[in-house]
Protein backbone atom coordinates (compact mmCIF):
# COMPACT_ATOMS: atom_id res chain seq x y z
CA UNK A 1 16.32 -11.98 -5.89
CA UNK A 2 13.54 -11.22 -3.32
CA UNK A 3 12.35 -7.77 -3.01
CA UNK A 4 10.97 -6.76 0.54
CA UNK A 5 8.02 -4.24 0.17
CA UNK A 6 6.95 -2.70 3.47
CA UNK A 7 3.34 -1.57 4.15
CA UNK A 8 2.56 1.29 6.48
CA UNK A 9 -0.63 3.19 7.09
CA UNK A 10 -0.70 5.89 9.81
CA UNK A 11 2.41 7.51 11.36
CA UNK A 12 1.03 7.84 14.81
CA UNK A 13 0.09 5.84 18.01
CA UNK A 14 -3.37 4.17 18.11
CA UNK A 15 -4.86 1.87 20.63
CA UNK A 16 -7.32 -1.02 20.13
CA UNK A 17 -7.83 -3.35 17.14
CA UNK A 18 -6.10 -0.87 14.75
CA UNK A 19 -2.99 -0.53 16.72
CA UNK A 20 -0.92 -2.54 14.26
CA UNK A 21 -1.61 -0.16 11.51
CA UNK A 22 -0.14 2.85 13.22
CA UNK A 23 3.73 3.35 13.67
CA UNK A 24 4.75 6.43 15.54
CA UNK A 25 7.42 8.74 14.11
CA UNK A 26 10.20 7.60 16.55
CA UNK A 27 9.62 3.88 15.77
CA UNK A 28 9.50 4.51 12.03
CA UNK A 29 12.88 6.39 12.32
CA UNK A 30 14.25 3.34 14.16
CA UNK A 31 13.09 0.96 11.59
CA UNK A 32 14.30 2.88 8.55
CA UNK A 33 17.62 3.79 10.22
CA UNK A 34 18.25 0.05 10.80
CA UNK A 35 17.45 -0.83 7.20
CA UNK A 36 19.71 1.98 5.85
CA UNK A 37 22.57 0.83 8.18
CA UNK A 38 22.07 -2.71 6.75
CA UNK A 39 22.72 -1.42 3.25
CA UNK A 40 19.34 -1.27 1.85
CA UNK A 41 18.28 1.53 -0.44
CA UNK A 42 14.77 2.68 0.50
CA UNK A 43 12.53 3.92 -2.45
CA UNK A 44 9.06 3.72 -3.75
CA UNK A 45 7.57 0.61 -5.34
CA UNK A 46 7.87 1.58 -8.93
CA UNK A 47 11.50 2.63 -8.44
CA UNK A 48 12.27 -0.52 -6.55
CA UNK A 49 10.93 -2.79 -9.22
CA UNK A 50 12.99 -0.70 -11.81
CA UNK A 51 16.13 -1.46 -9.80
CA UNK A 52 15.53 -5.21 -10.19
CA UNK A 53 18.15 -7.30 -8.34
CA UNK A 54 19.82 -4.65 -6.11
CA UNK A 55 19.70 -4.45 -2.28
CA UNK A 56 16.56 -2.45 -2.14
CA UNK A 57 13.51 -2.18 0.17
CA UNK A 58 10.32 -0.60 -1.28
CA UNK A 59 8.47 1.50 1.34
CA UNK A 60 4.67 2.16 0.85
CA UNK A 61 2.02 3.96 2.87
CA UNK A 62 -1.78 3.36 2.28
CA UNK A 63 -4.71 5.82 2.60
CA UNK A 64 -2.86 9.18 2.72
CA UNK A 65 -3.27 10.24 6.41
CA UNK A 66 -2.24 13.87 7.40
CA UNK A 67 0.27 12.31 9.80
CA UNK A 68 2.18 11.13 6.67
CA UNK A 69 3.76 14.60 6.81
CA UNK A 70 5.55 13.50 9.91
CA UNK A 71 6.62 10.38 8.12
CA UNK A 72 7.88 12.48 5.26
CA UNK A 73 10.19 14.19 7.69
CA UNK A 74 11.63 10.78 8.76
CA UNK A 75 11.95 9.72 5.20
CA UNK A 76 14.00 12.93 4.35
CA UNK A 77 16.14 12.28 7.48
CA UNK A 78 17.27 8.82 6.44
CA UNK A 79 17.62 9.67 2.81
CA UNK A 80 14.57 7.55 1.76
CA UNK A 81 11.56 7.91 -0.57
CA UNK A 82 8.24 5.93 -0.70
CA UNK A 83 5.02 5.36 -2.47
CA UNK A 84 1.88 6.94 -0.94
CA UNK A 85 -1.53 5.43 -2.07
CA UNK A 86 -4.46 7.70 -1.91
CA UNK A 87 -8.09 7.32 -2.59
CA UNK A 88 -9.21 10.23 -4.64
CA UNK A 89 -12.86 10.01 -3.45
CA UNK A 90 -11.73 10.40 0.20
CA UNK A 91 -9.11 13.19 -0.21
CA UNK A 92 -9.50 15.83 2.56
CA UNK A 93 -11.94 13.75 4.66
CA UNK A 94 -11.38 11.22 7.33
CA UNK A 95 -10.92 7.50 7.63
CA UNK A 96 -10.44 5.11 10.60
CA UNK A 97 -7.05 6.31 11.63
CA UNK A 98 -7.74 10.03 11.40
CA UNK A 99 -7.88 13.02 8.83
CA UNK A 100 -6.59 12.60 5.27
CA UNK A 101 -4.38 14.83 3.23
CA UNK A 102 -5.78 17.52 0.96
CA UNK A 103 -4.95 17.78 -2.67
CA UNK A 104 -2.59 20.72 -1.95
CA UNK A 105 -0.81 18.59 0.64
CA UNK A 106 -0.60 15.62 -1.69
CA UNK A 107 0.91 17.79 -4.39
CA UNK A 108 3.55 18.98 -1.86
CA UNK A 109 4.31 15.47 -0.98
CA UNK A 110 4.73 14.63 -4.64
CA UNK A 111 6.95 17.58 -5.10
CA UNK A 112 9.10 16.22 -2.27
CA UNK A 113 9.92 13.06 -4.34
CA UNK A 114 7.25 10.64 -2.99
CA UNK A 115 5.51 8.56 -5.67
CA UNK A 116 1.64 9.00 -5.44
CA UNK A 117 -0.22 5.81 -6.29
CA UNK A 118 -3.85 4.98 -6.71
CA UNK A 119 -5.85 3.14 -4.00
CA UNK A 120 -9.13 3.18 -5.97
CA UNK A 121 -11.68 5.83 -5.86
CA UNK A 122 -13.02 4.83 -2.51
CA UNK A 123 -11.69 2.31 0.02
CA UNK A 124 -13.88 -0.74 -0.41
CA UNK A 125 -12.98 -4.21 -1.92
CA UNK A 126 -12.89 -4.32 -5.62
CA UNK A 127 -13.14 -8.06 -6.23
CA UNK A 128 -16.86 -8.29 -5.44
CA UNK A 129 -17.98 -5.37 -7.47
CA UNK A 130 -20.03 -5.65 -10.67
CA UNK A 131 -18.07 -5.05 -13.77
CA UNK A 132 -19.39 -1.59 -14.47
CA UNK A 133 -18.79 -0.37 -10.93
CA UNK A 134 -15.24 -1.83 -10.97
CA UNK A 135 -14.47 -0.06 -14.12
CA UNK A 136 -15.81 3.22 -12.70
CA UNK A 137 -13.75 2.94 -9.62
CA UNK A 138 -10.58 2.53 -11.56
CA UNK A 139 -11.41 4.95 -14.51
CA UNK A 140 -12.48 7.82 -12.24
CA UNK A 141 -9.65 7.59 -9.70
CA UNK A 142 -7.14 7.35 -12.61
CA UNK A 143 -8.64 10.42 -14.23
CA UNK A 144 -8.72 12.46 -10.94
CA UNK A 145 -5.28 11.64 -9.98
CA UNK A 146 -3.86 12.74 -13.46
CA UNK A 147 -5.95 15.91 -13.30
CA UNK A 148 -4.90 16.90 -9.83
CA UNK A 149 -1.08 15.86 -10.16
CA UNK A 150 -0.54 16.62 -13.78
CA UNK A 151 0.43 13.17 -14.84
CA UNK A 152 -0.56 9.49 -14.60
CA UNK A 153 -0.07 7.35 -11.45
CA UNK A 154 2.03 4.36 -12.25
CA UNK A 155 1.26 2.07 -9.15
CA UNK A 156 -1.99 0.78 -7.68
CA UNK A 157 -2.82 -0.61 -4.26
CA UNK A 158 -6.00 -2.80 -3.96
CA UNK A 159 -8.12 -1.71 -0.97
CA UNK A 160 -7.89 -4.28 1.80
CA UNK A 161 -5.56 -6.15 -0.51
CA UNK A 162 -8.45 -7.87 -2.30
CA UNK A 163 -8.13 -8.57 -5.96
CA UNK A 164 -8.95 -11.24 -8.66
CA UNK A 165 -7.94 -11.87 -12.18
CA UNK A 166 -10.51 -9.50 -13.58
CA UNK A 167 -9.49 -6.74 -11.09
CA UNK A 168 -5.91 -7.22 -12.15
CA UNK A 169 -6.83 -7.03 -15.79
CA UNK A 170 -8.78 -3.85 -15.29
CA UNK A 171 -5.90 -2.16 -13.45
CA UNK A 172 -3.36 -3.23 -16.24
CA UNK A 173 -5.91 -1.90 -18.78
CA UNK A 174 -5.68 1.52 -17.42
CA UNK A 175 -2.06 1.62 -17.98
CA UNK A 176 -0.46 0.94 -14.43
CA UNK A 177 2.98 -0.53 -14.25
CA UNK A 178 2.35 -2.47 -11.02
CA UNK A 179 -0.08 -3.13 -8.18
CA UNK A 180 0.27 -4.47 -4.72
CA UNK A 181 -1.76 -6.51 -2.23
CA UNK A 182 -1.01 -7.28 1.41
CA UNK A 183 0.40 -10.79 0.94
CA UNK A 184 2.72 -10.74 4.04
CA UNK A 185 5.58 -12.34 2.11
CA UNK A 186 8.56 -11.22 -0.13
CA UNK A 187 8.04 -10.40 -3.67
CA UNK A 188 10.16 -12.62 -6.02
CA UNK A 189 11.80 -10.60 -8.77
CA UNK A 190 10.41 -11.65 -12.12
CA UNK A 191 6.92 -12.64 -10.73
CA UNK A 192 3.85 -10.88 -11.92
CA UNK A 193 3.76 -7.17 -11.12
CA UNK A 194 0.03 -6.95 -10.48
CA UNK A 195 -0.09 -8.74 -7.27
CA UNK A 196 3.13 -7.57 -5.43
CA UNK A 197 2.99 -8.80 -1.90
CA UNK A 198 3.96 -6.58 1.01
CA UNK A 199 5.10 -7.08 4.63
CA UNK A 200 3.09 -5.35 7.38
CA UNK A 201 5.36 -3.37 9.72
CA UNK A 202 3.90 -2.70 13.18
CA UNK A 203 4.89 -0.59 16.28
CA UNK A 204 6.10 -3.88 17.78
CA UNK A 205 8.93 -4.17 15.18
CA UNK A 206 12.10 -2.58 16.50
CA UNK A 207 15.00 -1.88 14.13
CA UNK A 208 16.53 -5.41 14.33
CA UNK A 209 13.03 -7.12 13.82
CA UNK A 210 12.37 -4.86 10.87
CA UNK A 211 15.71 -5.96 9.27
CA UNK A 212 14.92 -9.63 10.07
CA UNK A 213 11.46 -9.31 8.48
CA UNK A 214 12.76 -7.89 5.22
CA UNK A 215 15.37 -10.63 5.04
CA UNK A 216 13.06 -13.69 5.76
CA UNK A 217 9.45 -12.34 4.93
CA UNK A 218 8.36 -13.65 8.34
CA UNK A 219 6.54 -16.86 9.22
CA UNK A 220 5.02 -18.44 6.14
CA UNK A 221 2.11 -20.38 7.66
CA UNK A 222 -0.45 -17.46 8.07
CA UNK A 223 0.02 -15.96 4.55
CA UNK A 224 -0.45 -19.44 3.08
CA UNK A 225 -3.57 -20.04 5.12
CA UNK A 226 -4.99 -16.74 4.03
CA UNK A 227 -4.42 -17.36 0.40
CA UNK A 228 -6.00 -20.91 0.63
CA UNK A 229 -9.10 -19.26 2.24
CA UNK A 230 -9.61 -16.43 -0.13
CA UNK A 231 -12.01 -18.12 -2.68
CA UNK A 232 -14.47 -19.07 0.20
CA UNK A 233 -14.07 -15.64 1.90
CA UNK A 234 -14.77 -13.92 -1.51
CA UNK A 235 -17.93 -15.95 -1.81
CA UNK A 236 -19.11 -14.77 1.63
CA UNK A 237 -18.26 -11.17 0.91
CA UNK A 238 -20.03 -11.42 -2.50
CA UNK A 239 -23.23 -12.86 -0.86
CA UNK A 240 -23.04 -10.17 1.95
CA UNK A 241 -22.86 -7.28 -0.58
CA UNK A 242 -25.72 -8.64 -2.75
CA UNK A 243 -27.97 -10.11 -0.12
CA UNK A 244 -27.42 -7.80 2.75
CA UNK A 245 -25.93 -4.68 0.96
CA UNK A 246 -23.01 -4.87 3.39
CA UNK A 247 -19.35 -4.58 2.48
CA UNK A 248 -17.27 -7.03 4.53
CA UNK A 249 -13.55 -6.22 4.66
């Protein structure tokens, strides 16, 4: 049975090239209300995978922006929970879409029933890192989350969605139950749990469009083309990191 996994970032309104990564609170409420009315249970990713085969949608948020607190109000209003992925190395600073939650705020969010997942120590692609640095990213972020939250994180999200066999193996080695990419397609129950694809929800999705996206997974052509291009794109990013000392995302 397919499992729709929704991917959000900021709960706000943003103009320009990052517009699609920000969904304002009113639109988020419309989207989640429509899913709840359609009979879906709305939970975090680890819980959704545990429910295996029920009519469930997993709701995830990346990066841990302060405006997630407005999203938390929406989740409470519709009886939903979610998974929030944070970068321990960026907590309390800023990223592209605004300020990030502090550790105290993250603990409050966890206390409200939201699963806190790991988004790596800092937000850069893991699949082109040397082995020692890859291990450091996952080990230090895992330890920091456990120290700050009083227990291990169970779910991992690859920054920018980039992963490889060695990245997946490293995440599994540190005890995670699951990990997610971008993917832009439905997750098929029973498939590997360390490359769970997600569906990107944008401010252009009204309630009906969000329900349709969760049922169909959206057009298949673009995700297939992106998967086919990944080996060549990884080679370009690897060369840029080593030759130009630039991280391409």
